[in-house]
């Protein structure tokens, strides 16, 4: 069952990425939207979609609002693109992991700079 969950998760991630790339091109208002991760429930009826947005904070808010408003259309497109008994009900969540990683890297760089003169 774990193998099936992993395959479905990857298929959803790839398909959602294509849908977002096609239907939500980068704009100054919404930035560049990427699908970073998809977490599927064990019964395959729900999927949490973690979205990354390259842009300013207000662009992230607008992008998430737009995705929330267009969720049913994305759900419909997803159902047409994949063959499963049930199309998982998707919910979009902002993925902050990239920013957290960049912040950690910048802190590490600062620490290295402080230690270098010694």
C-alpha atoms as a PDB file:
ATOM      1  CA  UNK A   1       0.000   0.000   0.000  1.00  0.00           C
ATOM      2  CA  UNK A   2       2.899   2.386   0.722  1.00  0.00           C
ATOM      3  CA  UNK A   3       4.154   1.974  -2.835  1.00  0.00           C
ATOM      4  CA  UNK A   4       0.711   2.863  -4.200  1.00  0.00           C
ATOM      5  CA  UNK A   5       0.490   5.947  -1.955  1.00  0.00           C
ATOM      6  CA  UNK A   6       3.915   7.060  -3.152  1.00  0.00           C
ATOM      7  CA  UNK A   7       2.977   6.547  -6.817  1.00  0.00           C
ATOM      8  CA  UNK A   8      -0.310   8.434  -6.407  1.00  0.00           C
ATOM      9  CA  UNK A   9       1.462  11.236  -4.539  1.00  0.00           C
ATOM     10  CA  UNK A  10       4.047  11.639  -7.297  1.00  0.00           C
ATOM     11  CA  UNK A  11       1.371  11.491 -10.006  1.00  0.00           C
ATOM     12  CA  UNK A  12      -0.685  14.165  -8.228  1.00  0.00           C
ATOM     13  CA  UNK A  13       2.381  16.369  -7.742  1.00  0.00           C
ATOM     14  CA  UNK A  14       3.384  16.126 -11.399  1.00  0.00           C
ATOM     15  CA  UNK A  15      -0.168  16.649 -12.717  1.00  0.00           C
ATOM     16  CA  UNK A  16      -0.907  19.560 -10.379  1.00  0.00           C
ATOM     17  CA  UNK A  17       2.404  21.125 -11.380  1.00  0.00           C
ATOM     18  CA  UNK A  18       1.366  20.956 -15.040  1.00  0.00           C
ATOM     19  CA  UNK A  19      -2.091  22.405 -14.288  1.00  0.00           C
ATOM     20  CA  UNK A  20      -0.644  25.284 -12.252  1.00  0.00           C
ATOM     21  CA  UNK A  21       2.038  25.989 -14.867  1.00  0.00           C
ATOM     22  CA  UNK A  22      -0.587  26.066 -17.630  1.00  0.00           C
ATOM     23  CA  UNK A  23      -3.458  27.868 -15.877  1.00  0.00           C
ATOM     24  CA  UNK A  24      -1.570  30.203 -13.504  1.00  0.00           C
ATOM     25  CA  UNK A  25       1.414  31.689 -15.350  1.00  0.00           C
ATOM     26  CA  UNK A  26       3.769  33.960 -13.378  1.00  0.00           C
ATOM     27  CA  UNK A  27       2.531  37.540 -13.014  1.00  0.00           C
ATOM     28  CA  UNK A  28       3.763  40.470 -10.928  1.00  0.00           C
ATOM     29  CA  UNK A  29       0.556  40.130  -8.854  1.00  0.00           C
ATOM     30  CA  UNK A  30       0.906  36.450  -7.959  1.00  0.00           C
ATOM     31  CA  UNK A  31       4.551  35.604  -8.566  1.00  0.00           C
ATOM     32  CA  UNK A  32       5.684  32.174  -9.706  1.00  0.00           C
ATOM     33  CA  UNK A  33       3.612  29.368  -8.191  1.00  0.00           C
ATOM     34  CA  UNK A  34       5.215  25.937  -7.746  1.00  0.00           C
ATOM     35  CA  UNK A  35       3.953  22.663  -6.315  1.00  0.00           C
ATOM     36  CA  UNK A  36       6.544  21.609  -3.729  1.00  0.00           C
ATOM     37  CA  UNK A  37       4.891  18.640  -2.048  1.00  0.00           C
ATOM     38  CA  UNK A  38       1.669  16.637  -1.984  1.00  0.00           C
ATOM     39  CA  UNK A  39       0.613  14.644   1.075  1.00  0.00           C
ATOM     40  CA  UNK A  40      -2.128  12.083   0.421  1.00  0.00           C
ATOM     41  CA  UNK A  41      -4.345  10.512   3.083  1.00  0.00           C
ATOM     42  CA  UNK A  42      -4.219   6.724   3.463  1.00  0.00           C
ATOM     43  CA  UNK A  43      -7.662   6.315   1.842  1.00  0.00           C
ATOM     44  CA  UNK A  44      -6.610   8.542  -1.105  1.00  0.00           C
ATOM     45  CA  UNK A  45      -9.618  10.811  -0.591  1.00  0.00           C
ATOM     46  CA  UNK A  46      -7.756  13.931   0.567  1.00  0.00           C
ATOM     47  CA  UNK A  47      -4.549  15.596  -0.529  1.00  0.00           C
ATOM     48  CA  UNK A  48      -2.705  18.530   1.022  1.00  0.00           C
ATOM     49  CA  UNK A  49      -0.871  20.457  -1.667  1.00  0.00           C
ATOM     50  CA  UNK A  50       2.094  22.498  -0.417  1.00  0.00           C
ATOM     51  CA  UNK A  51       2.685  25.463  -2.689  1.00  0.00           C
ATOM     52  CA  UNK A  52       5.738  27.656  -3.020  1.00  0.00           C
ATOM     53  CA  UNK A  53       5.372  31.196  -4.317  1.00  0.00           C
ATOM     54  CA  UNK A  54       8.370  33.123  -5.597  1.00  0.00           C
ATOM     55  CA  UNK A  55       7.603  36.769  -5.002  1.00  0.00           C
ATOM     56  CA  UNK A  56       6.878  39.298  -2.318  1.00  0.00           C
ATOM     57  CA  UNK A  57       4.674  38.619   0.721  1.00  0.00           C
ATOM     58  CA  UNK A  58       1.623  40.305  -0.814  1.00  0.00           C
ATOM     59  CA  UNK A  59       2.105  38.240  -4.003  1.00  0.00           C
ATOM     60  CA  UNK A  60       2.026  35.092  -1.849  1.00  0.00           C
ATOM     61  CA  UNK A  61      -1.241  36.175  -0.256  1.00  0.00           C
ATOM     62  CA  UNK A  62      -2.797  36.941  -3.648  1.00  0.00           C
ATOM     63  CA  UNK A  63      -1.554  33.659  -5.118  1.00  0.00           C
ATOM     64  CA  UNK A  64      -2.987  31.629  -2.224  1.00  0.00           C
ATOM     65  CA  UNK A  65      -6.289  33.516  -2.457  1.00  0.00           C
ATOM     66  CA  UNK A  66      -6.442  32.841  -6.198  1.00  0.00           C
ATOM     67  CA  UNK A  67      -5.674  29.137  -5.701  1.00  0.00           C
ATOM     68  CA  UNK A  68      -8.352  28.888  -3.008  1.00  0.00           C
ATOM     69  CA  UNK A  69     -10.896  30.553  -5.300  1.00  0.00           C
ATOM     70  CA  UNK A  70      -9.946  28.304  -8.228  1.00  0.00           C
ATOM     71  CA  UNK A  71      -9.674  25.097  -6.155  1.00  0.00           C
ATOM     72  CA  UNK A  72     -12.782  23.484  -7.658  1.00  0.00           C
ATOM     73  CA  UNK A  73     -11.571  24.180 -11.211  1.00  0.00           C
ATOM     74  CA  UNK A  74      -8.142  22.721 -10.398  1.00  0.00           C
ATOM     75  CA  UNK A  75      -9.923  19.745  -8.796  1.00  0.00           C
ATOM     76  CA  UNK A  76     -11.949  19.253 -11.985  1.00  0.00           C
ATOM     77  CA  UNK A  77      -8.849  19.451 -14.200  1.00  0.00           C
ATOM     78  CA  UNK A  78      -7.069  16.991 -11.917  1.00  0.00           C
ATOM     79  CA  UNK A  79      -9.983  14.546 -12.142  1.00  0.00           C
ATOM     80  CA  UNK A  80      -9.876  14.705 -15.927  1.00  0.00           C
ATOM     81  CA  UNK A  81      -6.101  14.202 -16.058  1.00  0.00           C
ATOM     82  CA  UNK A  82      -5.692  11.214 -13.722  1.00  0.00           C
ATOM     83  CA  UNK A  83      -7.511   7.907 -13.501  1.00  0.00           C
ATOM     84  CA  UNK A  84      -8.406   7.005  -9.924  1.00  0.00           C
ATOM     85  CA  UNK A  85     -11.594   5.687  -8.387  1.00  0.00           C
ATOM     86  CA  UNK A  86     -11.890   8.954  -6.432  1.00  0.00           C
ATOM     87  CA  UNK A  87     -10.124  12.170  -7.163  1.00  0.00           C
ATOM     88  CA  UNK A  88      -8.645  13.331  -3.854  1.00  0.00           C
ATOM     89  CA  UNK A  89     -10.140  16.529  -2.460  1.00  0.00           C
ATOM     90  CA  UNK A  90      -7.255  18.975  -2.587  1.00  0.00           C
ATOM     91  CA  UNK A  91      -6.420  21.779  -0.187  1.00  0.00           C
ATOM     92  CA  UNK A  92      -3.661  24.315  -0.786  1.00  0.00           C
ATOM     93  CA  UNK A  93      -1.153  25.267   1.909  1.00  0.00           C
ATOM     94  CA  UNK A  94       1.795  27.658   1.695  1.00  0.00           C
ATOM     95  CA  UNK A  95       5.153  25.887   1.946  1.00  0.00           C
ATOM     96  CA  UNK A  96       7.576  27.912   4.031  1.00  0.00           C
ATOM     97  CA  UNK A  97      10.330  25.271   4.036  1.00  0.00           C
ATOM     98  CA  UNK A  98      12.376  26.930   1.273  1.00  0.00           C
ATOM     99  CA  UNK A  99      12.405  30.267   3.097  1.00  0.00           C
ATOM    100  CA  UNK A 100      13.296  28.566   6.375  1.00  0.00           C
ATOM    101  CA  UNK A 101      16.144  26.755   4.623  1.00  0.00           C
ATOM    102  CA  UNK A 102      17.421  29.981   3.076  1.00  0.00           C
ATOM    103  CA  UNK A 103      17.260  31.686   6.471  1.00  0.00           C
ATOM    104  CA  UNK A 104      19.274  28.879   8.078  1.00  0.00           C
ATOM    105  CA  UNK A 105      21.870  29.103   5.294  1.00  0.00           C
ATOM    106  CA  UNK A 106      22.201  32.864   5.731  1.00  0.00           C
ATOM    107  CA  UNK A 107      22.658  32.424   9.497  1.00  0.00           C
ATOM    108  CA  UNK A 108      25.361  29.815   8.870  1.00  0.00           C
ATOM    109  CA  UNK A 109      27.113  32.154   6.429  1.00  0.00           C
ATOM    110  CA  UNK A 110      27.051  34.943   9.030  1.00  0.00           C
ATOM    111  CA  UNK A 111      28.561  32.601  11.616  1.00  0.00           C
ATOM    112  CA  UNK A 112      31.313  31.586   9.189  1.00  0.00           C
ATOM    113  CA  UNK A 113      32.103  35.257   8.496  1.00  0.00           C
ATOM    114  CA  UNK A 114      32.348  35.984  12.215  1.00  0.00           C
ATOM    115  CA  UNK A 115      34.714  33.043  12.799  1.00  0.00           C
ATOM    116  CA  UNK A 116      36.929  33.700   9.736  1.00  0.00           C
ATOM    117  CA  UNK A 117      39.036  36.635  11.123  1.00  0.00           C
ATOM    118  CA  UNK A 118      40.144  34.689  14.224  1.00  0.00           C
END
